[in-house]
């Protein structure tokens, strides 16, 4: 049984090597024959579907973009408040900052 498995592995490896060699030969031939250096690859519909980003990846990207935008808006808001408060009288600035500190209103 172990010999059969070893033989199958050897055959499998040899077959993979021959496929790689054939692929390399075809790619080399395609590069030689085409003047532009482009290669045409025909894919089956299932292969294309597997190459598309999954919904989970898209969902993670959207979440990351939202977090980045929120962080950027918060930073810009803090800068705007600082600039606004700098030009106000002290009592008015204190009242404004107390009001902004009340997160229930935001």
PDB file of N, CA and C in Angstrom:
ATOM      1  N   UNK A   1       0.821  -1.194   0.000  1.00  0.00           N
ATOM      2  CA  UNK A   1       0.000   0.000   0.000  1.00  0.00           C
ATOM      3  C   UNK A   1       0.869   1.264   0.000  1.00  0.00           C
ATOM      4  N   UNK A   2       1.911   1.264   0.834  1.00  0.00           N
ATOM      5  CA  UNK A   2       2.791   2.429   0.903  1.00  0.00           C
ATOM      6  C   UNK A   2       3.521   2.638  -0.414  1.00  0.00           C
ATOM      7  N   UNK A   3       3.878   1.525  -1.065  1.00  0.00           N
ATOM      8  CA  UNK A   3       4.547   1.634  -2.369  1.00  0.00           C
ATOM      9  C   UNK A   3       3.618   2.235  -3.409  1.00  0.00           C
ATOM     10  N   UNK A   4       2.350   1.855  -3.352  1.00  0.00           N
ATOM     11  CA  UNK A   4       1.373   2.397  -4.298  1.00  0.00           C
ATOM     12  C   UNK A   4       1.210   3.899  -4.109  1.00  0.00           C
ATOM     13  N   UNK A   5       1.155   4.325  -2.850  1.00  0.00           N
ATOM     14  CA  UNK A   5       1.022   5.753  -2.553  1.00  0.00           C
ATOM     15  C   UNK A   5       2.256   6.505  -3.036  1.00  0.00           C
ATOM     16  N   UNK A   6       3.426   5.940  -2.800  1.00  0.00           N
ATOM     17  CA  UNK A   6       4.665   6.580  -3.246  1.00  0.00           C
ATOM     18  C   UNK A   6       4.703   6.673  -4.767  1.00  0.00           C
ATOM     19  N   UNK A   7       4.265   5.593  -5.432  1.00  0.00           N
ATOM     20  CA  UNK A   7       4.217   5.622  -6.899  1.00  0.00           C
ATOM     21  C   UNK A   7       3.237   6.671  -7.403  1.00  0.00           C
ATOM     22  N   UNK A   8       2.093   6.760  -6.754  1.00  0.00           N
ATOM     23  CA  UNK A   8       1.094   7.758  -7.154  1.00  0.00           C
ATOM     24  C   UNK A   8       1.637   9.168  -6.966  1.00  0.00           C
ATOM     25  N   UNK A   9       2.342   9.387  -5.868  1.00  0.00           N
ATOM     26  CA  UNK A   9       2.932  10.708  -5.624  1.00  0.00           C
ATOM     27  C   UNK A   9       3.948  11.052  -6.704  1.00  0.00           C
ATOM     28  N   UNK A  10       4.790  10.069  -7.050  1.00  0.00           N
ATOM     29  CA  UNK A  10       5.785  10.290  -8.093  1.00  0.00           C
ATOM     30  C   UNK A  10       5.115  10.616  -9.425  1.00  0.00           C
ATOM     31  N   UNK A  11       4.094   9.844  -9.755  1.00  0.00           N
ATOM     32  CA  UNK A  11       3.372  10.089 -11.003  1.00  0.00           C
ATOM     33  C   UNK A  11       2.723  11.472 -10.993  1.00  0.00           C
ATOM     34  N   UNK A  12       2.156  11.816  -9.855  1.00  0.00           N
ATOM     35  CA  UNK A  12       1.506  13.122  -9.719  1.00  0.00           C
ATOM     36  C   UNK A  12       2.520  14.245  -9.905  1.00  0.00           C
ATOM     37  N   UNK A  13       3.676  14.125  -9.267  1.00  0.00           N
ATOM     38  CA  UNK A  13       4.722  15.145  -9.399  1.00  0.00           C
ATOM     39  C   UNK A  13       5.228  15.242 -10.833  1.00  0.00           C
ATOM     40  N   UNK A  14       5.400  14.085 -11.471  1.00  0.00           N
ATOM     41  CA  UNK A  14       5.851  14.091 -12.864  1.00  0.00           C
ATOM     42  C   UNK A  14       4.820  14.753 -13.767  1.00  0.00           C
ATOM     43  N   UNK A  15       3.560  14.481 -13.511  1.00  0.00           N
ATOM     44  CA  UNK A  15       2.498  15.084 -14.316  1.00  0.00           C
ATOM     45  C   UNK A  15       2.469  16.600 -14.120  1.00  0.00           C
ATOM     46  N   UNK A  16       2.644  17.046 -12.885  1.00  0.00           N
ATOM     47  CA  UNK A  16       2.684  18.489 -12.612  1.00  0.00           C
ATOM     48  C   UNK A  16       3.873  19.119 -13.329  1.00  0.00           C
ATOM     49  N   UNK A  17       5.031  18.466 -13.270  1.00  0.00           N
ATOM     50  CA  UNK A  17       6.212  18.991 -13.969  1.00  0.00           C
ATOM     51  C   UNK A  17       5.961  19.098 -15.465  1.00  0.00           C
ATOM     52  N   UNK A  18       5.333  18.063 -16.029  1.00  0.00           N
ATOM     53  CA  UNK A  18       5.086  18.105 -17.474  1.00  0.00           C
ATOM     54  C   UNK A  18       4.088  19.206 -17.822  1.00  0.00           C
ATOM     55  N   UNK A  19       3.087  19.426 -16.954  1.00  0.00           N
ATOM     56  CA  UNK A  19       2.142  20.522 -17.190  1.00  0.00           C
ATOM     57  C   UNK A  19       2.841  21.874 -17.109  1.00  0.00           C
ATOM     58  N   UNK A  20       3.722  22.021 -16.127  1.00  0.00           N
ATOM     59  CA  UNK A  20       4.475  23.273 -16.003  1.00  0.00           C
ATOM     60  C   UNK A  20       5.346  23.505 -17.233  1.00  0.00           C
ATOM     61  N   UNK A  21       6.022  22.437 -17.664  1.00  0.00           N
ATOM     62  CA  UNK A  21       6.878  22.567 -18.848  1.00  0.00           C
ATOM     63  C   UNK A  21       6.064  22.950 -20.073  1.00  0.00           C
ATOM     64  N   UNK A  22       4.904  22.316 -20.242  1.00  0.00           N
ATOM     65  CA  UNK A  22       4.042  22.627 -21.381  1.00  0.00           C
ATOM     66  C   UNK A  22       3.549  24.068 -21.307  1.00  0.00           C
ATOM     67  N   UNK A  23       3.185  24.508 -20.117  1.00  0.00           N
ATOM     68  CA  UNK A  23       2.732  25.886 -19.935  1.00  0.00           C
ATOM     69  C   UNK A  23       3.851  26.870 -20.252  1.00  0.00           C
ATOM     70  N   UNK A  24       5.040  26.593 -19.762  1.00  0.00           N
ATOM     71  CA  UNK A  24       6.182  27.464 -20.059  1.00  0.00           C
ATOM     72  C   UNK A  24       6.453  27.521 -21.562  1.00  0.00           C
ATOM     73  N   UNK A  25       6.375  26.354 -22.211  1.00  0.00           N
ATOM     74  CA  UNK A  25       6.617  26.300 -23.648  1.00  0.00           C
ATOM     75  C   UNK A  25       5.581  27.128 -24.397  1.00  0.00           C
ATOM     76  N   UNK A  26       4.309  26.995 -23.997  1.00  0.00           N
ATOM     77  CA  UNK A  26       3.251  27.748 -24.674  1.00  0.00           C
ATOM     78  C   UNK A  26       3.392  29.250 -24.445  1.00  0.00           C
ATOM     79  N   UNK A  27       3.755  29.632 -23.233  1.00  0.00           N
ATOM     80  CA  UNK A  27       3.939  31.057 -22.934  1.00  0.00           C
ATOM     81  C   UNK A  27       5.113  31.607 -23.731  1.00  0.00           C
ATOM     82  N   UNK A  28       6.204  30.861 -23.775  1.00  0.00           N
ATOM     83  CA  UNK A  28       7.365  31.310 -24.555  1.00  0.00           C
ATOM     84  C   UNK A  28       7.010  31.447 -26.023  1.00  0.00           C
ATOM     85  N   UNK A  29       6.277  30.475 -26.539  1.00  0.00           N
ATOM     86  CA  UNK A  29       5.872  30.523 -27.940  1.00  0.00           C
ATOM     87  C   UNK A  29       4.939  31.704 -28.197  1.00  0.00           C
ATOM     88  N   UNK A  30       4.013  31.950 -27.274  1.00  0.00           N
ATOM     89  CA  UNK A  30       3.092  33.077 -27.440  1.00  0.00           C
ATOM     90  C   UNK A  30       3.842  34.401 -27.416  1.00  0.00           C
ATOM     91  N   UNK A  31       4.841  34.509 -26.550  1.00  0.00           N
ATOM     92  CA  UNK A  31       5.630  35.741 -26.490  1.00  0.00           C
ATOM     93  C   UNK A  31       6.434  35.948 -27.765  1.00  0.00           C
ATOM     94  N   UNK A  32       6.957  34.875 -28.313  1.00  0.00           N
ATOM     95  CA  UNK A  32       7.730  34.989 -29.552  1.00  0.00           C
ATOM     96  C   UNK A  32       6.839  35.371 -30.725  1.00  0.00           C
ATOM     97  N   UNK A  33       5.642  34.792 -30.770  1.00  0.00           N
ATOM     98  CA  UNK A  33       4.743  35.011 -31.903  1.00  0.00           C
ATOM     99  C   UNK A  33       4.037  36.363 -31.860  1.00  0.00           C
ATOM    100  N   UNK A  34       3.830  36.899 -30.678  1.00  0.00           N
ATOM    101  CA  UNK A  34       3.111  38.175 -30.593  1.00  0.00           C
ATOM    102  C   UNK A  34       4.119  39.308 -30.505  1.00  0.00           C
ATOM    103  N   UNK A  35       3.914  40.310 -31.326  1.00  0.00           N
ATOM    104  CA  UNK A  35       4.828  41.447 -31.331  1.00  0.00           C
ATOM    105  C   UNK A  35       4.589  42.389 -30.172  1.00  0.00           C
ATOM    106  N   UNK A  36       3.386  42.383 -29.627  1.00  0.00           N
ATOM    107  CA  UNK A  36       3.055  43.335 -28.568  1.00  0.00           C
ATOM    108  C   UNK A  36       3.424  42.824 -27.187  1.00  0.00           C
ATOM    109  N   UNK A  37       3.706  41.553 -27.063  1.00  0.00           N
ATOM    110  CA  UNK A  37       4.061  41.009 -25.763  1.00  0.00           C
ATOM    111  C   UNK A  37       2.860  40.675 -24.908  1.00  0.00           C
ATOM    112  N   UNK A  38       1.665  40.678 -25.479  1.00  0.00           N
ATOM    113  CA  UNK A  38       0.477  40.345 -24.697  1.00  0.00           C
ATOM    114  C   UNK A  38       0.155  38.865 -24.849  1.00  0.00           C
ATOM    115  N   UNK A  39      -0.499  38.323 -23.849  1.00  0.00           N
ATOM    116  CA  UNK A  39      -0.880  36.916 -23.853  1.00  0.00           C
ATOM    117  C   UNK A  39      -2.378  36.830 -23.604  1.00  0.00           C
ATOM    118  N   UNK A  40      -3.052  36.022 -24.372  1.00  0.00           N
ATOM    119  CA  UNK A  40      -4.488  35.822 -24.186  1.00  0.00           C
ATOM    120  C   UNK A  40      -4.681  34.601 -23.299  1.00  0.00           C
ATOM    121  N   UNK A  41      -5.505  34.756 -22.277  1.00  0.00           N
ATOM    122  CA  UNK A  41      -5.803  33.664 -21.359  1.00  0.00           C
ATOM    123  C   UNK A  41      -7.301  33.450 -21.368  1.00  0.00           C
ATOM    124  N   UNK A  42      -7.715  32.250 -21.715  1.00  0.00           N
ATOM    125  CA  UNK A  42      -9.134  31.907 -21.706  1.00  0.00           C
ATOM    126  C   UNK A  42      -9.469  31.269 -20.364  1.00  0.00           C
ATOM    127  N   UNK A  43     -10.433  31.858 -19.675  1.00  0.00           N
ATOM    128  CA  UNK A  43     -10.849  31.351 -18.372  1.00  0.00           C
ATOM    129  C   UNK A  43     -12.287  30.872 -18.439  1.00  0.00           C
ATOM    130  N   UNK A  44     -12.567  29.853 -17.675  1.00  0.00           N
ATOM    131  CA  UNK A  44     -13.940  29.393 -17.569  1.00  0.00           C
ATOM    132  C   UNK A  44     -14.693  30.294 -16.609  1.00  0.00           C
ATOM    133  N   UNK A  45     -16.014  30.257 -16.714  1.00  0.00           N
ATOM    134  CA  UNK A  45     -16.856  31.121 -15.891  1.00  0.00           C
ATOM    135  C   UNK A  45     -16.626  30.872 -14.400  1.00  0.00           C
ATOM    136  N   UNK A  46     -16.451  29.623 -14.005  1.00  0.00           N
ATOM    137  CA  UNK A  46     -16.227  29.293 -12.596  1.00  0.00           C
ATOM    138  C   UNK A  46     -14.922  29.891 -12.085  1.00  0.00           C
ATOM    139  N   UNK A  47     -13.884  29.884 -12.931  1.00  0.00           N
ATOM    140  CA  UNK A  47     -12.597  30.450 -12.529  1.00  0.00           C
ATOM    141  C   UNK A  47     -12.699  31.952 -12.304  1.00  0.00           C
ATOM    142  N   UNK A  48     -13.463  32.624 -13.148  1.00  0.00           N
ATOM    143  CA  UNK A  48     -13.640  34.069 -13.008  1.00  0.00           C
ATOM    144  C   UNK A  48     -14.411  34.374 -11.731  1.00  0.00           C
ATOM    145  N   UNK A  49     -15.432  33.577 -11.444  1.00  0.00           N
ATOM    146  CA  UNK A  49     -16.222  33.798 -10.233  1.00  0.00           C
ATOM    147  C   UNK A  49     -15.358  33.645  -8.989  1.00  0.00           C
ATOM    148  N   UNK A  50     -14.416  32.717  -9.020  1.00  0.00           N
ATOM    149  CA  UNK A  50     -13.536  32.526  -7.868  1.00  0.00           C
ATOM    150  C   UNK A  50     -12.537  33.668  -7.733  1.00  0.00           C
ATOM    151  N   UNK A  51     -12.225  34.333  -8.828  1.00  0.00           N
ATOM    152  CA  UNK A  51     -11.253  35.424  -8.796  1.00  0.00           C
ATOM    153  C   UNK A  51     -11.861  36.731  -8.318  1.00  0.00           C
ATOM    154  N   UNK A  52     -13.193  36.853  -8.359  1.00  0.00           N
ATOM    155  CA  UNK A  52     -13.845  38.087  -7.929  1.00  0.00           C
ATOM    156  C   UNK A  52     -13.758  38.210  -6.413  1.00  0.00           C
ATOM    157  N   UNK A  53     -13.636  39.439  -5.903  1.00  0.00           N
ATOM    158  CA  UNK A  53     -13.578  39.599  -4.449  1.00  0.00           C
ATOM    159  C   UNK A  53     -14.882  39.151  -3.819  1.00  0.00           C
ATOM    160  N   UNK A  54     -14.764  38.493  -2.720  1.00  0.00           N
ATOM    161  CA  UNK A  54     -15.966  37.992  -2.058  1.00  0.00           C
ATOM    162  C   UNK A  54     -16.668  39.124  -1.328  1.00  0.00           C
ATOM    163  N   UNK A  55     -17.904  38.874  -0.965  1.00  0.00           N
ATOM    164  CA  UNK A  55     -18.707  39.870  -0.272  1.00  0.00           C
ATOM    165  C   UNK A  55     -18.054  40.262   1.045  1.00  0.00           C
ATOM    166  N   UNK A  56     -17.421  39.299   1.710  1.00  0.00           N
ATOM    167  CA  UNK A  56     -16.777  39.578   3.000  1.00  0.00           C
ATOM    168  C   UNK A  56     -15.650  40.585   2.822  1.00  0.00           C
ATOM    169  N   UNK A  57     -14.871  40.437   1.772  1.00  0.00           N
ATOM    170  CA  UNK A  57     -13.761  41.360   1.520  1.00  0.00           C
ATOM    171  C   UNK A  57     -14.297  42.756   1.246  1.00  0.00           C
ATOM    172  N   UNK A  58     -15.332  42.843   0.420  1.00  0.00           N
ATOM    173  CA  UNK A  58     -15.927  44.144   0.108  1.00  0.00           C
ATOM    174  C   UNK A  58     -16.494  44.774   1.372  1.00  0.00           C
ATOM    175  N   UNK A  59     -17.152  43.973   2.193  1.00  0.00           N
ATOM    176  CA  UNK A  59     -17.734  44.470   3.443  1.00  0.00           C
ATOM    177  C   UNK A  59     -16.637  45.016   4.367  1.00  0.00           C
ATOM    178  N   UNK A  60     -15.508  44.301   4.456  1.00  0.00           N
ATOM    179  CA  UNK A  60     -14.389  44.771   5.278  1.00  0.00           C
ATOM    180  C   UNK A  60     -13.809  46.075   4.740  1.00  0.00           C
ATOM    181  N   UNK A  61     -13.705  46.188   3.420  1.00  0.00           N
ATOM    182  CA  UNK A  61     -13.195  47.427   2.825  1.00  0.00           C
ATOM    183  C   UNK A  61     -14.116  48.600   3.122  1.00  0.00           C
ATOM    184  N   UNK A  62     -15.417  48.391   3.007  1.00  0.00           N
ATOM    185  CA  UNK A  62     -16.377  49.460   3.294  1.00  0.00           C
ATOM    186  C   UNK A  62     -16.273  49.879   4.754  1.00  0.00           C
ATOM    187  N   UNK A  63     -16.156  48.912   5.648  1.00  0.00           N
ATOM    188  CA  UNK A  63     -16.034  49.227   7.081  1.00  0.00           C
ATOM    189  C   UNK A  63     -14.766  50.037   7.339  1.00  0.00           C
ATOM    190  N   UNK A  64     -13.657  49.639   6.716  1.00  0.00           N
ATOM    191  CA  UNK A  64     -12.394  50.357   6.899  1.00  0.00           C
ATOM    192  C   UNK A  64     -12.486  51.782   6.363  1.00  0.00           C
ATOM    193  N   UNK A  65     -13.122  51.958   5.217  1.00  0.00           N
ATOM    194  CA  UNK A  65     -13.285  53.300   4.645  1.00  0.00           C
ATOM    195  C   UNK A  65     -14.133  54.164   5.566  1.00  0.00           C
ATOM    196  N   UNK A  66     -15.218  53.601   6.095  1.00  0.00           N
ATOM    197  CA  UNK A  66     -16.067  54.364   7.029  1.00  0.00           C
ATOM    198  C   UNK A  66     -15.279  54.806   8.253  1.00  0.00           C
ATOM    199  N   UNK A  67     -14.486  53.890   8.817  1.00  0.00           N
ATOM    200  CA  UNK A  67     -13.691  54.233   9.996  1.00  0.00           C
ATOM    201  C   UNK A  67     -12.687  55.337   9.677  1.00  0.00           C
ATOM    202  N   UNK A  68     -12.065  55.255   8.519  1.00  0.00           N
ATOM    203  CA  UNK A  68     -11.100  56.285   8.118  1.00  0.00           C
ATOM    204  C   UNK A  68     -11.775  57.643   7.945  1.00  0.00           C
ATOM    205  N   UNK A  69     -12.958  57.649   7.332  1.00  0.00           N
ATOM    206  CA  UNK A  69     -13.687  58.908   7.127  1.00  0.00           C
ATOM    207  C   UNK A  69     -14.114  59.493   8.466  1.00  0.00           C
ATOM    208  N   UNK A  70     -14.640  58.644   9.365  1.00  0.00           N
ATOM    209  CA  UNK A  70     -15.055  59.133  10.687  1.00  0.00           C
ATOM    210  C   UNK A  70     -13.870  59.727  11.440  1.00  0.00           C
ATOM    211  N   UNK A  71     -12.736  59.047  11.388  1.00  0.00           N
ATOM    212  CA  UNK A  71     -11.540  59.537  12.067  1.00  0.00           C
ATOM    213  C   UNK A  71     -11.097  60.875  11.486  1.00  0.00           C
ATOM    214  N   UNK A  72     -11.123  60.984  10.171  1.00  0.00           N
ATOM    215  CA  UNK A  72     -10.728  62.224   9.507  1.00  0.00           C
ATOM    216  C   UNK A  72     -11.680  63.357   9.867  1.00  0.00           C
ATOM    217  N   UNK A  73     -12.984  63.061   9.869  1.00  0.00           N
ATOM    218  CA  UNK A  73     -13.962  64.095  10.222  1.00  0.00           C
ATOM    219  C   UNK A  73     -13.796  64.544  11.668  1.00  0.00           C
ATOM    220  N   UNK A  74     -13.543  63.598  12.564  1.00  0.00           N
ATOM    221  CA  UNK A  74     -13.351  63.957  13.973  1.00  0.00           C
ATOM    222  C   UNK A  74     -12.131  64.857  14.138  1.00  0.00           C
ATOM    223  N   UNK A  75     -11.053  64.518  13.463  1.00  0.00           N
ATOM    224  CA  UNK A  75      -9.834  65.326  13.548  1.00  0.00           C
ATOM    225  C   UNK A  75     -10.067  66.725  12.991  1.00  0.00           C
ATOM    226  N   UNK A  76     -10.724  66.800  11.843  1.00  0.00           N
ATOM    227  CA  UNK A  76     -11.000  68.112  11.247  1.00  0.00           C
ATOM    228  C   UNK A  76     -11.947  68.922  12.121  1.00  0.00           C
ATOM    229  N   UNK A  77     -12.902  68.260  12.741  1.00  0.00           N
ATOM    230  CA  UNK A  77     -13.823  68.953  13.642  1.00  0.00           C
ATOM    231  C   UNK A  77     -13.100  69.533  14.847  1.00  0.00           C
ATOM    232  N   UNK A  78     -12.175  68.754  15.402  1.00  0.00           N
ATOM    233  CA  UNK A  78     -11.397  69.244  16.539  1.00  0.00           C
ATOM    234  C   UNK A  78     -10.569  70.465  16.151  1.00  0.00           C
ATOM    235  N   UNK A  79      -9.969  70.416  14.979  1.00  0.00           N
ATOM    236  CA  UNK A  79      -9.167  71.554  14.508  1.00  0.00           C
ATOM    237  C   UNK A  79     -10.048  72.781  14.316  1.00  0.00           C
ATOM    238  N   UNK A  80     -11.233  72.591  13.734  1.00  0.00           N
ATOM    239  CA  UNK A  80     -12.151  73.716  13.506  1.00  0.00           C
ATOM    240  C   UNK A  80     -12.605  74.323  14.824  1.00  0.00           C
ATOM    241  N   UNK A  81     -12.912  73.480  15.811  1.00  0.00           N
ATOM    242  CA  UNK A  81     -13.334  73.993  17.125  1.00  0.00           C
ATOM    243  C   UNK A  81     -12.195  74.760  17.776  1.00  0.00           C
ATOM    244  N   UNK A  82     -10.980  74.230  17.702  1.00  0.00           N
ATOM    245  CA  UNK A  82      -9.828  74.934  18.279  1.00  0.00           C
ATOM    246  C   UNK A  82      -9.649  76.311  17.652  1.00  0.00           C
ATOM    247  N   UNK A  83      -9.776  76.388  16.325  1.00  0.00           N
ATOM    248  CA  UNK A  83      -9.630  77.677  15.647  1.00  0.00           C
ATOM    249  C   UNK A  83     -10.755  78.633  16.034  1.00  0.00           C
ATOM    250  N   UNK A  84     -11.953  78.113  16.179  1.00  0.00           N
ATOM    251  CA  UNK A  84     -13.099  78.939  16.552  1.00  0.00           C
ATOM    252  C   UNK A  84     -12.951  79.466  17.979  1.00  0.00           C
ATOM    253  N   UNK A  85     -12.546  78.589  18.885  1.00  0.00           N
ATOM    254  CA  UNK A  85     -12.424  78.960  20.297  1.00  0.00           C
ATOM    255  C   UNK A  85     -11.299  79.967  20.506  1.00  0.00           C
ATOM    256  N   UNK A  86     -10.241  79.879  19.723  1.00  0.00           N
ATOM    257  CA  UNK A  86      -9.115  80.801  19.868  1.00  0.00           C
ATOM    258  C   UNK A  86      -9.529  82.255  19.667  1.00  0.00           C
ATOM    259  N   UNK A  87     -10.515  82.487  18.811  1.00  0.00           N
ATOM    260  CA  UNK A  87     -10.914  83.869  18.519  1.00  0.00           C
ATOM    261  C   UNK A  87     -12.069  84.357  19.399  1.00  0.00           C
ATOM    262  N   UNK A  88     -12.539  83.555  20.337  1.00  0.00           N
ATOM    263  CA  UNK A  88     -13.681  83.932  21.189  1.00  0.00           C
ATOM    264  C   UNK A  88     -13.207  84.444  22.542  1.00  0.00           C
ATOM    265  N   UNK A  89     -14.082  85.207  23.180  1.00  0.00           N
ATOM    266  CA  UNK A  89     -13.795  85.564  24.579  1.00  0.00           C
ATOM    267  C   UNK A  89     -13.796  84.294  25.437  1.00  0.00           C
ATOM    268  N   UNK A  90     -13.095  84.349  26.554  1.00  0.00           N
ATOM    269  CA  UNK A  90     -12.894  83.157  27.379  1.00  0.00           C
ATOM    270  C   UNK A  90     -14.202  82.555  27.887  1.00  0.00           C
ATOM    271  N   UNK A  91     -15.123  83.373  28.340  1.00  0.00           N
ATOM    272  CA  UNK A  91     -16.384  82.841  28.888  1.00  0.00           C
ATOM    273  C   UNK A  91     -17.234  82.183  27.799  1.00  0.00           C
ATOM    274  N   UNK A  92     -17.279  82.813  26.636  1.00  0.00           N
ATOM    275  CA  UNK A  92     -18.051  82.245  25.530  1.00  0.00           C
ATOM    276  C   UNK A  92     -17.425  80.929  25.072  1.00  0.00           C
ATOM    277  N   UNK A  93     -16.101  80.893  25.009  1.00  0.00           N
ATOM    278  CA  UNK A  93     -15.402  79.680  24.603  1.00  0.00           C
ATOM    279  C   UNK A  93     -15.656  78.555  25.601  1.00  0.00           C
ATOM    280  N   UNK A  94     -15.652  78.892  26.894  1.00  0.00           N
ATOM    281  CA  UNK A  94     -15.908  77.881  27.920  1.00  0.00           C
ATOM    282  C   UNK A  94     -17.319  77.322  27.783  1.00  0.00           C
ATOM    283  N   UNK A  95     -18.302  78.195  27.551  1.00  0.00           N
ATOM    284  CA  UNK A  95     -19.687  77.734  27.373  1.00  0.00           C
ATOM    285  C   UNK A  95     -19.815  76.824  26.145  1.00  0.00           C
ATOM    286  N   UNK A  96     -19.147  77.214  25.074  1.00  0.00           N
ATOM    287  CA  UNK A  96     -19.202  76.413  23.851  1.00  0.00           C
ATOM    288  C   UNK A  96     -18.574  75.036  24.070  1.00  0.00           C
ATOM    289  N   UNK A  97     -17.426  74.996  24.736  1.00  0.00           N
ATOM    290  CA  UNK A  97     -16.757  73.721  24.980  1.00  0.00           C
ATOM    291  C   UNK A  97     -17.574  72.829  25.902  1.00  0.00           C
ATOM    292  N   UNK A  98     -18.241  73.419  26.899  1.00  0.00           N
ATOM    293  CA  UNK A  98     -19.123  72.634  27.773  1.00  0.00           C
ATOM    294  C   UNK A  98     -20.273  72.047  26.965  1.00  0.00           C
ATOM    295  N   UNK A  99     -20.811  72.842  26.074  1.00  0.00           N
ATOM    296  CA  UNK A  99     -21.914  72.378  25.243  1.00  0.00           C
ATOM    297  C   UNK A  99     -21.464  71.236  24.326  1.00  0.00           C
ATOM    298  N   UNK A 100     -20.288  71.383  23.733  1.00  0.00           N
ATOM    299  CA  UNK A 100     -19.778  70.338  22.850  1.00  0.00           C
ATOM    300  C   UNK A 100     -19.400  69.072  23.614  1.00  0.00           C
ATOM    301  N   UNK A 101     -19.024  69.227  24.877  1.00  0.00           N
ATOM    302  CA  UNK A 101     -18.654  68.068  25.688  1.00  0.00           C
ATOM    303  C   UNK A 101     -19.855  67.198  26.015  1.00  0.00           C
ATOM    304  N   UNK A 102     -21.044  67.765  25.943  1.00  0.00           N
ATOM    305  CA  UNK A 102     -22.256  67.001  26.196  1.00  0.00           C
ATOM    306  C   UNK A 102     -22.536  66.139  24.960  1.00  0.00           C
ATOM    307  N   UNK A 103     -22.095  64.903  24.998  1.00  0.00           N
ATOM    308  CA  UNK A 103     -22.192  64.033  23.820  1.00  0.00           C
ATOM    309  C   UNK A 103     -23.622  63.636  23.490  1.00  0.00           C
ATOM    310  N   UNK A 104     -24.546  63.798  24.434  1.00  0.00           N
ATOM    311  CA  UNK A 104     -25.943  63.466  24.145  1.00  0.00           C
ATOM    312  C   UNK A 104     -26.510  64.379  23.073  1.00  0.00           C
ATOM    313  N   UNK A 105     -25.984  65.575  22.960  1.00  0.00           N
ATOM    314  CA  UNK A 105     -26.503  66.538  21.985  1.00  0.00           C
ATOM    315  C   UNK A 105     -25.936  66.298  20.599  1.00  0.00           C
ATOM    316  N   UNK A 106     -24.840  65.575  20.507  1.00  0.00           N
ATOM    317  CA  UNK A 106     -24.192  65.365  19.208  1.00  0.00           C
ATOM    318  C   UNK A 106     -24.810  64.226  18.444  1.00  0.00           C
TER     319      UNK A 106
END
